[in-house]
Amino acid sequence: MENMIRSEKRTGHVILRFGSFYSEDSWNTTYLFDSVRKRKMPIIGKGDFYWNLISVDDAANAVVYSLENFQRLKNKTINFSDFSPIQFKDFANGIATLTGSKKPFSIPLFLAKLLMGKNIIGFITNSYRVQQDDIISDWKPKCRNYLEGMKSILRNKKKMVNRNFSTTRSLQTLM
């Protein structure tokens, strides 16, 4: 182990930082859809804080890209996201529209801090906008923004439900 650590020090490193992940089969994406549908995800304050997102497929591609370009990226910290930061209010309203749900309600910031605690609200509302560094300008995410990614997820889920429904109906006719 010690020899491996020494050799790593000689080879260098690349630190990868990612936006918030989403994917078709992740619990957090399902939770987001369900929370918006059930109106359990309010817009906190004005909802003007930014979120940076990335699909897990794009994150995996970013890891491969970083390995393939290791020498050029050596000893750097690289941020990967879809490079389309979104204000939370637009994110929540977009999910509501995609799912055919009612728009989320708003909750005043002071009340959210009282209910959930200032540290949790501070974490949720931490706002920054990740922009693409020139050093990775040749890397492009497949999902250019969260809306593309979420539409794709919902399309795939719908196909799966329809396929399962058709299979169930086919099995019922066989019985």
Protein backbone atom coordinates (compact mmCIF):
# COMPACT_ATOMS: atom_id res chain seq x y z
CA MET A 1 0.00 0.00 0.00
CA GLU A 2 2.77 2.44 0.94
CA ASN A 3 4.53 1.85 -2.40
CA MET A 4 1.28 2.52 -4.23
CA ILE A 5 0.85 5.84 -2.38
CA ARG A 6 4.43 6.86 -3.19
CA SER A 7 3.97 6.04 -6.88
CA GLU A 8 0.72 8.01 -6.95
CA LYS A 9 2.52 11.07 -5.58
CA ARG A 10 4.90 10.87 -8.52
CA THR A 11 2.12 10.48 -11.08
CA GLY A 12 -0.04 13.39 -9.98
CA HIS A 13 -3.77 13.63 -9.55
CA VAL A 14 -6.95 15.14 -10.91
CA ILE A 15 -9.70 16.15 -8.52
CA LEU A 16 -13.18 15.90 -10.00
CA ARG A 17 -16.09 17.82 -8.54
CA PHE A 18 -19.61 17.29 -9.80
CA GLY A 19 -22.94 19.06 -9.69
CA SER A 20 -25.86 17.26 -8.07
CA PHE A 21 -26.45 13.87 -9.66
CA TYR A 22 -29.67 12.61 -11.16
CA SER A 23 -30.51 9.40 -12.97
CA GLU A 24 -33.40 7.24 -14.02
CA ASP A 25 -32.96 4.70 -11.24
CA SER A 26 -31.68 6.82 -8.36
CA TRP A 27 -33.73 7.26 -5.22
CA ASN A 28 -33.05 11.01 -5.12
CA THR A 29 -34.49 11.59 -8.61
CA THR A 30 -37.56 9.52 -7.78
CA TYR A 31 -37.85 11.42 -4.50
CA LEU A 32 -37.67 14.77 -6.37
CA PHE A 33 -40.46 13.74 -8.76
CA ASP A 34 -42.63 12.40 -5.93
CA SER A 35 -42.01 15.43 -3.70
CA VAL A 36 -42.97 17.88 -6.43
CA ARG A 37 -46.02 15.81 -7.41
CA LYS A 38 -47.21 15.64 -3.79
CA ARG A 39 -46.35 19.33 -3.24
CA LYS A 40 -43.87 18.45 -0.50
CA MET A 41 -41.03 20.46 -2.05
CA PRO A 42 -41.74 24.14 -1.52
CA ILE A 43 -39.78 26.97 -3.03
CA ILE A 44 -37.71 28.39 -0.19
CA GLY A 45 -37.76 32.17 -0.06
CA LYS A 46 -37.58 33.60 -3.56
CA GLY A 47 -36.04 30.39 -4.90
CA ASP A 48 -33.35 32.46 -6.59
CA PHE A 49 -30.42 30.27 -5.52
CA TYR A 50 -28.69 28.25 -8.22
CA TRP A 51 -28.32 24.49 -8.51
CA ASN A 52 -25.81 22.77 -10.77
CA LEU A 53 -26.84 19.35 -12.02
CA ILE A 54 -25.35 16.48 -13.99
CA SER A 55 -26.74 13.15 -15.12
CA VAL A 56 -24.86 10.13 -13.79
CA ASP A 57 -24.18 9.05 -17.38
CA ASP A 58 -22.52 12.39 -18.10
CA ALA A 59 -20.57 12.13 -14.83
CA ALA A 60 -19.30 8.69 -15.85
CA ASN A 61 -18.28 10.09 -19.23
CA ALA A 62 -16.48 12.92 -17.44
CA VAL A 63 -14.48 10.39 -15.41
CA VAL A 64 -13.48 8.53 -18.58
CA TYR A 65 -12.62 11.84 -20.25
CA SER A 66 -10.45 12.81 -17.27
CA LEU A 67 -8.59 9.50 -17.41
CA GLU A 68 -8.02 9.82 -21.15
CA ASN A 69 -6.76 13.39 -20.70
CA PHE A 70 -4.89 12.81 -17.47
CA GLN A 71 -1.58 14.37 -18.52
CA ARG A 72 -3.26 17.59 -19.63
CA LEU A 73 -5.46 17.76 -16.51
CA LYS A 74 -2.77 16.59 -14.10
CA ASN A 75 -2.78 18.31 -10.69
CA LYS A 76 -5.95 20.29 -11.45
CA THR A 77 -9.38 20.46 -9.88
CA ILE A 78 -12.08 20.19 -12.51
CA ASN A 79 -15.79 20.97 -12.08
CA PHE A 80 -18.25 18.97 -14.14
CA SER A 81 -21.96 19.70 -14.50
CA ASP A 82 -24.27 20.33 -17.42
CA PHE A 83 -22.94 23.93 -17.27
CA SER A 84 -26.50 25.26 -17.26
CA PRO A 85 -27.02 26.39 -13.65
CA ILE A 86 -30.70 26.71 -12.81
CA GLN A 87 -32.46 28.73 -10.17
CA PHE A 88 -34.31 26.47 -7.78
CA LYS A 89 -37.69 28.08 -8.49
CA ASP A 90 -37.26 27.32 -12.21
CA PHE A 91 -36.11 23.79 -11.42
CA ALA A 92 -39.10 23.02 -9.17
CA ASN A 93 -41.59 24.64 -11.55
CA GLY A 94 -40.03 22.76 -14.48
CA ILE A 95 -40.42 19.40 -12.71
CA ALA A 96 -44.03 20.31 -11.86
CA THR A 97 -44.73 21.07 -15.52
CA LEU A 98 -43.03 17.86 -16.71
CA THR A 99 -45.05 15.73 -14.30
CA GLY A 100 -48.32 17.58 -14.83
CA SER A 101 -48.37 18.63 -11.19
CA LYS A 102 -49.45 21.81 -9.49
CA LYS A 103 -46.78 24.46 -9.09
CA PRO A 104 -44.87 24.30 -5.80
CA PHE A 105 -45.87 26.73 -3.09
CA SER A 106 -43.41 29.15 -1.51
CA ILE A 107 -42.30 29.22 2.10
CA PRO A 108 -40.60 32.29 3.62
CA LEU A 109 -36.90 31.80 4.32
CA PHE A 110 -37.24 32.58 8.04
CA LEU A 111 -39.98 29.96 8.41
CA ALA A 112 -37.95 27.33 6.53
CA LYS A 113 -35.03 27.97 8.91
CA LEU A 114 -37.32 27.55 11.91
CA LEU A 115 -38.79 24.31 10.56
CA MET A 116 -35.67 22.67 9.15
CA GLY A 117 -32.82 24.46 10.86
CA LYS A 118 -30.51 27.13 9.51
CA ASN A 119 -27.73 24.67 8.63
CA ILE A 120 -29.94 22.49 6.43
CA ILE A 121 -31.47 25.53 4.74
CA GLY A 122 -27.99 27.02 4.33
CA PHE A 123 -26.90 23.81 2.58
CA ILE A 124 -29.97 23.66 0.33
CA THR A 125 -29.82 27.34 -0.63
CA ASN A 126 -26.04 27.49 -1.14
CA SER A 127 -25.84 29.17 -4.51
CA TYR A 128 -23.11 29.05 -7.11
CA ARG A 129 -22.90 28.75 -10.89
CA VAL A 130 -20.45 26.31 -12.39
CA GLN A 131 -19.08 27.40 -15.75
CA GLN A 132 -17.02 25.24 -18.07
CA ASP A 133 -13.25 25.71 -17.77
CA ASP A 134 -11.34 26.26 -20.99
CA ILE A 135 -9.17 23.23 -20.21
CA ILE A 136 -12.18 20.93 -20.72
CA SER A 137 -13.87 22.90 -23.50
CA ASP A 138 -13.81 19.79 -25.72
CA TRP A 139 -15.97 17.82 -23.23
CA LYS A 140 -19.72 18.18 -23.70
CA PRO A 141 -22.46 16.60 -21.60
CA LYS A 142 -25.09 14.65 -23.53
CA CYS A 143 -27.80 16.33 -21.43
CA ARG A 144 -27.24 20.05 -22.02
CA ASN A 145 -29.53 20.94 -19.12
CA TYR A 146 -31.59 19.25 -16.44
CA LEU A 147 -34.80 19.61 -18.44
CA GLU A 148 -33.43 17.44 -21.28
CA GLY A 149 -32.27 14.86 -18.77
CA MET A 150 -35.52 14.79 -16.82
CA LYS A 151 -37.63 14.55 -20.00
CA SER A 152 -35.54 11.57 -21.06
CA ILE A 153 -35.99 9.93 -17.65
CA LEU A 154 -39.77 10.41 -17.74
CA ARG A 155 -39.96 9.08 -21.34
CA ASN A 156 -38.03 5.96 -20.32
CA LYS A 157 -40.15 5.44 -17.20
CA LYS A 158 -43.32 5.77 -19.28
CA LYS A 159 -42.01 3.22 -21.80
CA MET A 160 -41.18 0.86 -18.95
CA VAL A 161 -44.65 1.23 -17.42
CA ASN A 162 -46.29 0.69 -20.81
CA ARG A 163 -44.07 -2.33 -21.50
CA ASN A 164 -44.86 -3.79 -18.07
CA PHE A 165 -48.57 -3.06 -18.57
CA SER A 166 -48.51 -4.78 -21.98
CA THR A 167 -46.65 -7.76 -20.53
CA THR A 168 -49.15 -8.02 -17.67
CA ARG A 169 -52.07 -7.86 -20.10
CA SER A 170 -50.43 -10.48 -22.33
CA LEU A 171 -49.91 -12.78 -19.34
CA GLN A 172 -53.52 -12.29 -18.23
CA THR A 173 -54.83 -13.34 -21.65
CA LEU A 174 -52.70 -16.48 -21.47
CA MET A 175 -54.22 -17.55 -18.12
